[in-house]
């Protein structure tokens, strides 16, 4: 099947972002919160819309959700949408559109690798081990010596957050239009998204 990869679109306007994953399976989990109070939203609908099917679930009493998307062609070009009767609908790209630009810096600390894009921070936890970061052009490569699967966390304004987990390390290719995440061949990819929603 080739490398596992995830493309995060950052198109202008209200067009939904397009994502593609070539991996054994994809788990999407996270939490939905009120933007003002940061309280969990109960029964918010989370929808993964693919070319062939829709995957839907509701958040629980603590605002958490989990969706398992099976492997196959349908993993290409899907949308992640949050909705609630009392709140404005939110596409994934609305929260994460301004994340990645060219001016990144990378540092390695004992417990994590940290990458900064302007005011945004990307933390890559690695237990008590270190991560090796190399940067070449618009590609940031991370090699981990972790006992558990390494993870990439993107924290954004207003409390939105994205976390990607992939075994064996991964690399990020950064352009103005998209970010491409590459992992080991045929591995499972887990995407965790915390979304904040504003009242209508």
C-alpha atoms as a PDB file:
ATOM      1  CA  UNK A   1       0.000   0.000   0.000  1.00  0.00           C
ATOM      2  CA  UNK A   2       2.980   2.318   0.405  1.00  0.00           C
ATOM      3  CA  UNK A   3       3.556   4.930   3.047  1.00  0.00           C
ATOM      4  CA  UNK A   4       0.858   5.954   5.465  1.00  0.00           C
ATOM      5  CA  UNK A   5       0.081   9.601   4.847  1.00  0.00           C
ATOM      6  CA  UNK A   6      -2.334  12.309   5.877  1.00  0.00           C
ATOM      7  CA  UNK A   7      -2.824  15.548   3.996  1.00  0.00           C
ATOM      8  CA  UNK A   8      -4.210  18.570   5.819  1.00  0.00           C
ATOM      9  CA  UNK A   9      -5.647  21.099   3.394  1.00  0.00           C
ATOM     10  CA  UNK A  10      -5.657  24.815   4.155  1.00  0.00           C
ATOM     11  CA  UNK A  11      -7.785  26.212   1.360  1.00  0.00           C
ATOM     12  CA  UNK A  12      -9.370  29.640   1.491  1.00  0.00           C
ATOM     13  CA  UNK A  13     -13.048  30.392   2.012  1.00  0.00           C
ATOM     14  CA  UNK A  14     -15.571  27.920   3.365  1.00  0.00           C
ATOM     15  CA  UNK A  15     -14.712  24.932   1.164  1.00  0.00           C
ATOM     16  CA  UNK A  16     -14.207  21.891   3.429  1.00  0.00           C
ATOM     17  CA  UNK A  17     -10.689  20.576   3.826  1.00  0.00           C
ATOM     18  CA  UNK A  18      -9.785  17.349   2.091  1.00  0.00           C
ATOM     19  CA  UNK A  19      -7.852  14.610   3.861  1.00  0.00           C
ATOM     20  CA  UNK A  20      -6.304  11.422   2.505  1.00  0.00           C
ATOM     21  CA  UNK A  21      -4.989   8.436   4.436  1.00  0.00           C
ATOM     22  CA  UNK A  22      -3.286   5.354   3.011  1.00  0.00           C
ATOM     23  CA  UNK A  23      -2.920   3.104   6.043  1.00  0.00           C
ATOM     24  CA  UNK A  24      -4.316  -0.040   7.609  1.00  0.00           C
ATOM     25  CA  UNK A  25      -7.021   1.877   9.463  1.00  0.00           C
ATOM     26  CA  UNK A  26      -7.817   5.291  10.846  1.00  0.00           C
ATOM     27  CA  UNK A  27      -9.152   6.096  14.309  1.00  0.00           C
ATOM     28  CA  UNK A  28     -10.482   9.591  14.901  1.00  0.00           C
ATOM     29  CA  UNK A  29     -11.140  10.567  18.498  1.00  0.00           C
ATOM     30  CA  UNK A  30     -11.255  13.704  20.571  1.00  0.00           C
ATOM     31  CA  UNK A  31     -13.477  16.107  22.435  1.00  0.00           C
ATOM     32  CA  UNK A  32     -15.895  18.936  21.618  1.00  0.00           C
ATOM     33  CA  UNK A  33     -16.004  21.989  23.908  1.00  0.00           C
ATOM     34  CA  UNK A  34     -17.912  25.258  24.224  1.00  0.00           C
ATOM     35  CA  UNK A  35     -15.598  28.027  22.988  1.00  0.00           C
ATOM     36  CA  UNK A  36     -16.474  30.422  25.816  1.00  0.00           C
ATOM     37  CA  UNK A  37     -16.869  28.201  28.879  1.00  0.00           C
ATOM     38  CA  UNK A  38     -14.624  25.293  27.769  1.00  0.00           C
ATOM     39  CA  UNK A  39     -17.350  22.964  29.061  1.00  0.00           C
ATOM     40  CA  UNK A  40     -17.910  19.703  27.144  1.00  0.00           C
ATOM     41  CA  UNK A  41     -20.711  19.603  24.582  1.00  0.00           C
ATOM     42  CA  UNK A  42     -23.009  16.598  25.027  1.00  0.00           C
ATOM     43  CA  UNK A  43     -24.632  15.030  21.945  1.00  0.00           C
ATOM     44  CA  UNK A  44     -22.636  17.074  19.466  1.00  0.00           C
ATOM     45  CA  UNK A  45     -22.538  15.252  16.134  1.00  0.00           C
ATOM     46  CA  UNK A  46     -19.181  14.289  14.649  1.00  0.00           C
ATOM     47  CA  UNK A  47     -19.285  13.295  10.998  1.00  0.00           C
ATOM     48  CA  UNK A  48     -16.574  11.845   8.774  1.00  0.00           C
ATOM     49  CA  UNK A  49     -17.858  12.151   5.214  1.00  0.00           C
ATOM     50  CA  UNK A  50     -16.102  10.074   2.568  1.00  0.00           C
ATOM     51  CA  UNK A  51     -16.722   9.614  -1.141  1.00  0.00           C
ATOM     52  CA  UNK A  52     -18.606   6.397  -0.452  1.00  0.00           C
ATOM     53  CA  UNK A  53     -20.064   6.661   3.030  1.00  0.00           C
ATOM     54  CA  UNK A  54     -20.674   8.730   6.149  1.00  0.00           C
ATOM     55  CA  UNK A  55     -19.423   7.817   9.621  1.00  0.00           C
ATOM     56  CA  UNK A  56     -21.349   9.510  12.421  1.00  0.00           C
ATOM     57  CA  UNK A  57     -21.302   9.502  16.179  1.00  0.00           C
ATOM     58  CA  UNK A  58     -22.396  11.692  19.088  1.00  0.00           C
ATOM     59  CA  UNK A  59     -20.263  12.998  21.922  1.00  0.00           C
ATOM     60  CA  UNK A  60     -20.819  11.440  25.338  1.00  0.00           C
ATOM     61  CA  UNK A  61     -21.595  13.118  28.670  1.00  0.00           C
ATOM     62  CA  UNK A  62     -17.999  14.404  28.878  1.00  0.00           C
ATOM     63  CA  UNK A  63     -17.866  15.621  25.274  1.00  0.00           C
ATOM     64  CA  UNK A  64     -15.670  12.761  23.988  1.00  0.00           C
ATOM     65  CA  UNK A  65     -16.123  10.869  20.715  1.00  0.00           C
ATOM     66  CA  UNK A  66     -14.457   8.020  18.796  1.00  0.00           C
ATOM     67  CA  UNK A  67     -14.889   6.953  15.170  1.00  0.00           C
ATOM     68  CA  UNK A  68     -13.195   4.005  13.485  1.00  0.00           C
ATOM     69  CA  UNK A  69     -12.823   4.277   9.709  1.00  0.00           C
ATOM     70  CA  UNK A  70     -12.047   1.047   7.887  1.00  0.00           C
ATOM     71  CA  UNK A  71      -9.195   0.688   5.435  1.00  0.00           C
ATOM     72  CA  UNK A  72      -9.803   1.051   1.730  1.00  0.00           C
ATOM     73  CA  UNK A  73     -10.258   3.581  -1.012  1.00  0.00           C
ATOM     74  CA  UNK A  74     -12.904   5.432   0.971  1.00  0.00           C
ATOM     75  CA  UNK A  75     -10.161   6.830   3.210  1.00  0.00           C
ATOM     76  CA  UNK A  76      -9.223   9.223   0.442  1.00  0.00           C
ATOM     77  CA  UNK A  77     -10.683  12.722   0.414  1.00  0.00           C
ATOM     78  CA  UNK A  78     -12.834  12.843   3.533  1.00  0.00           C
ATOM     79  CA  UNK A  79     -14.176  15.693   5.629  1.00  0.00           C
ATOM     80  CA  UNK A  80     -14.364  16.022   9.405  1.00  0.00           C
ATOM     81  CA  UNK A  81     -17.408  18.036  10.503  1.00  0.00           C
ATOM     82  CA  UNK A  82     -18.685  19.026  13.960  1.00  0.00           C
ATOM     83  CA  UNK A  83     -22.303  20.132  14.466  1.00  0.00           C
ATOM     84  CA  UNK A  84     -24.726  20.878  17.297  1.00  0.00           C
ATOM     85  CA  UNK A  85     -28.227  22.446  17.225  1.00  0.00           C
ATOM     86  CA  UNK A  86     -27.152  25.389  19.397  1.00  0.00           C
ATOM     87  CA  UNK A  87     -23.740  25.970  17.799  1.00  0.00           C
ATOM     88  CA  UNK A  88     -22.303  26.975  14.465  1.00  0.00           C
ATOM     89  CA  UNK A  89     -21.202  24.046  12.322  1.00  0.00           C
ATOM     90  CA  UNK A  90     -17.454  23.604  12.190  1.00  0.00           C
ATOM     91  CA  UNK A  91     -15.308  22.059   9.482  1.00  0.00           C
ATOM     92  CA  UNK A  92     -11.893  20.814  10.515  1.00  0.00           C
ATOM     93  CA  UNK A  93     -10.103  23.291   8.244  1.00  0.00           C
ATOM     94  CA  UNK A  94     -11.758  26.262   9.946  1.00  0.00           C
ATOM     95  CA  UNK A  95      -9.833  25.536  13.137  1.00  0.00           C
ATOM     96  CA  UNK A  96      -6.504  24.521  11.634  1.00  0.00           C
ATOM     97  CA  UNK A  97      -6.217  26.674   8.535  1.00  0.00           C
ATOM     98  CA  UNK A  98      -3.491  29.049   9.865  1.00  0.00           C
ATOM     99  CA  UNK A  99      -1.154  26.442  11.345  1.00  0.00           C
ATOM    100  CA  UNK A 100       1.726  25.922   9.007  1.00  0.00           C
ATOM    101  CA  UNK A 101       3.974  28.402   7.267  1.00  0.00           C
ATOM    102  CA  UNK A 102       7.628  28.480   6.260  1.00  0.00           C
ATOM    103  CA  UNK A 103       9.132  30.083   9.375  1.00  0.00           C
ATOM    104  CA  UNK A 104       9.497  27.012  11.571  1.00  0.00           C
ATOM    105  CA  UNK A 105      12.101  26.393  14.250  1.00  0.00           C
ATOM    106  CA  UNK A 106      12.802  23.062  15.928  1.00  0.00           C
ATOM    107  CA  UNK A 107      14.348  22.224  19.297  1.00  0.00           C
ATOM    108  CA  UNK A 108      14.885  18.942  21.129  1.00  0.00           C
ATOM    109  CA  UNK A 109      14.297  18.603  24.864  1.00  0.00           C
ATOM    110  CA  UNK A 110      14.671  15.517  27.083  1.00  0.00           C
ATOM    111  CA  UNK A 111      10.945  14.734  27.051  1.00  0.00           C
ATOM    112  CA  UNK A 112       9.814  16.086  23.708  1.00  0.00           C
ATOM    113  CA  UNK A 113      10.689  17.609  20.403  1.00  0.00           C
ATOM    114  CA  UNK A 114       9.193  21.045  19.929  1.00  0.00           C
ATOM    115  CA  UNK A 115       8.495  22.775  16.653  1.00  0.00           C
ATOM    116  CA  UNK A 116       7.233  26.352  16.462  1.00  0.00           C
ATOM    117  CA  UNK A 117       5.366  28.022  13.620  1.00  0.00           C
ATOM    118  CA  UNK A 118       5.000  31.662  14.561  1.00  0.00           C
ATOM    119  CA  UNK A 119       2.710  31.579  17.623  1.00  0.00           C
ATOM    120  CA  UNK A 120       1.674  27.957  17.176  1.00  0.00           C
ATOM    121  CA  UNK A 121       3.488  25.106  18.924  1.00  0.00           C
ATOM    122  CA  UNK A 122       3.854  21.485  17.880  1.00  0.00           C
ATOM    123  CA  UNK A 123       4.940  19.148  20.671  1.00  0.00           C
ATOM    124  CA  UNK A 124       6.141  15.608  20.008  1.00  0.00           C
ATOM    125  CA  UNK A 125       6.224  13.689  23.299  1.00  0.00           C
ATOM    126  CA  UNK A 126       8.701  10.858  23.562  1.00  0.00           C
ATOM    127  CA  UNK A 127       8.480   9.517  27.101  1.00  0.00           C
ATOM    128  CA  UNK A 128      11.916   9.697  28.736  1.00  0.00           C
ATOM    129  CA  UNK A 129      13.717   9.336  25.404  1.00  0.00           C
ATOM    130  CA  UNK A 130      14.883  11.935  22.920  1.00  0.00           C
ATOM    131  CA  UNK A 131      13.721  12.692  19.414  1.00  0.00           C
ATOM    132  CA  UNK A 132      16.035  13.541  16.551  1.00  0.00           C
ATOM    133  CA  UNK A 133      14.780  16.388  14.366  1.00  0.00           C
ATOM    134  CA  UNK A 134      16.269  17.265  11.004  1.00  0.00           C
ATOM    135  CA  UNK A 135      15.064  19.973   8.643  1.00  0.00           C
ATOM    136  CA  UNK A 136      15.723  20.068   4.926  1.00  0.00           C
ATOM    137  CA  UNK A 137      13.899  22.688   2.880  1.00  0.00           C
ATOM    138  CA  UNK A 138      10.210  22.386   3.681  1.00  0.00           C
ATOM    139  CA  UNK A 139      10.496  18.885   5.153  1.00  0.00           C
ATOM    140  CA  UNK A 140      10.767  18.241   8.874  1.00  0.00           C
ATOM    141  CA  UNK A 141      11.769  14.662   9.749  1.00  0.00           C
ATOM    142  CA  UNK A 142      11.444  13.173  13.232  1.00  0.00           C
ATOM    143  CA  UNK A 143      13.101   9.958  14.381  1.00  0.00           C
ATOM    144  CA  UNK A 144      12.076   8.596  17.774  1.00  0.00           C
ATOM    145  CA  UNK A 145      13.556   6.114  20.195  1.00  0.00           C
ATOM    146  CA  UNK A 146      10.353   5.651  22.163  1.00  0.00           C
ATOM    147  CA  UNK A 147       8.902   2.597  23.830  1.00  0.00           C
ATOM    148  CA  UNK A 148       5.427   3.778  22.882  1.00  0.00           C
ATOM    149  CA  UNK A 149       4.187   5.248  19.615  1.00  0.00           C
ATOM    150  CA  UNK A 150       5.348   8.834  19.057  1.00  0.00           C
ATOM    151  CA  UNK A 151       2.741  11.551  18.696  1.00  0.00           C
ATOM    152  CA  UNK A 152       2.470  14.997  17.167  1.00  0.00           C
ATOM    153  CA  UNK A 153       0.313  17.581  18.946  1.00  0.00           C
ATOM    154  CA  UNK A 154      -0.721  20.874  17.359  1.00  0.00           C
ATOM    155  CA  UNK A 155      -2.155  23.478  19.731  1.00  0.00           C
ATOM    156  CA  UNK A 156      -3.965  26.424  18.186  1.00  0.00           C
ATOM    157  CA  UNK A 157      -5.773  29.597  19.307  1.00  0.00           C
ATOM    158  CA  UNK A 158      -9.166  29.280  21.045  1.00  0.00           C
ATOM    159  CA  UNK A 159      -8.326  25.857  22.442  1.00  0.00           C
ATOM    160  CA  UNK A 160      -8.473  23.798  19.251  1.00  0.00           C
ATOM    161  CA  UNK A 161      -5.993  20.957  19.196  1.00  0.00           C
ATOM    162  CA  UNK A 162      -4.918  18.191  16.821  1.00  0.00           C
ATOM    163  CA  UNK A 163      -2.909  15.123  17.797  1.00  0.00           C
ATOM    164  CA  UNK A 164      -1.562  12.496  15.403  1.00  0.00           C
ATOM    165  CA  UNK A 165      -0.089   9.174  16.554  1.00  0.00           C
ATOM    166  CA  UNK A 166       1.983   6.933  14.290  1.00  0.00           C
ATOM    167  CA  UNK A 167       4.391   4.124  15.162  1.00  0.00           C
ATOM    168  CA  UNK A 168       8.032   4.364  14.142  1.00  0.00           C
ATOM    169  CA  UNK A 169       8.207   8.110  13.666  1.00  0.00           C
ATOM    170  CA  UNK A 170       7.095  10.232  10.754  1.00  0.00           C
ATOM    171  CA  UNK A 171       7.995  13.237   8.656  1.00  0.00           C
ATOM    172  CA  UNK A 172       6.140  16.436   7.788  1.00  0.00           C
ATOM    173  CA  UNK A 173       6.374  18.129   4.424  1.00  0.00           C
ATOM    174  CA  UNK A 174       5.278  21.740   4.673  1.00  0.00           C
ATOM    175  CA  UNK A 175       4.053  24.035   1.911  1.00  0.00           C
ATOM    176  CA  UNK A 176       1.710  27.023   1.834  1.00  0.00           C
ATOM    177  CA  UNK A 177      -1.172  24.807   0.716  1.00  0.00           C
ATOM    178  CA  UNK A 178      -0.843  21.637   2.751  1.00  0.00           C
ATOM    179  CA  UNK A 179       1.000  19.495   5.240  1.00  0.00           C
ATOM    180  CA  UNK A 180       1.797  15.897   4.404  1.00  0.00           C
ATOM    181  CA  UNK A 181       2.399  13.441   7.227  1.00  0.00           C
ATOM    182  CA  UNK A 182       4.242  10.255   6.303  1.00  0.00           C
ATOM    183  CA  UNK A 183       4.628   7.218   8.510  1.00  0.00           C
ATOM    184  CA  UNK A 184       5.763   3.606   8.285  1.00  0.00           C
ATOM    185  CA  UNK A 185       4.292   1.314   5.647  1.00  0.00           C
ATOM    186  CA  UNK A 186       0.735   0.076   6.282  1.00  0.00           C
ATOM    187  CA  UNK A 187       0.639   1.352   9.829  1.00  0.00           C
ATOM    188  CA  UNK A 188      -2.507   2.435  11.594  1.00  0.00           C
ATOM    189  CA  UNK A 189      -2.966   6.168  11.984  1.00  0.00           C
ATOM    190  CA  UNK A 190      -4.792   7.781  14.892  1.00  0.00           C
ATOM    191  CA  UNK A 191      -6.045  11.350  14.625  1.00  0.00           C
ATOM    192  CA  UNK A 192      -7.253  13.098  17.773  1.00  0.00           C
ATOM    193  CA  UNK A 193      -9.079  16.410  17.395  1.00  0.00           C
ATOM    194  CA  UNK A 194     -10.304  18.691  20.172  1.00  0.00           C
ATOM    195  CA  UNK A 195     -12.687  21.238  18.647  1.00  0.00           C
ATOM    196  CA  UNK A 196     -14.243  24.309  20.258  1.00  0.00           C
ATOM    197  CA  UNK A 197     -17.601  25.543  18.979  1.00  0.00           C
ATOM    198  CA  UNK A 198     -19.291  28.943  19.152  1.00  0.00           C
ATOM    199  CA  UNK A 199     -22.980  29.477  19.882  1.00  0.00           C
ATOM    200  CA  UNK A 200     -25.218  30.636  17.066  1.00  0.00           C
END
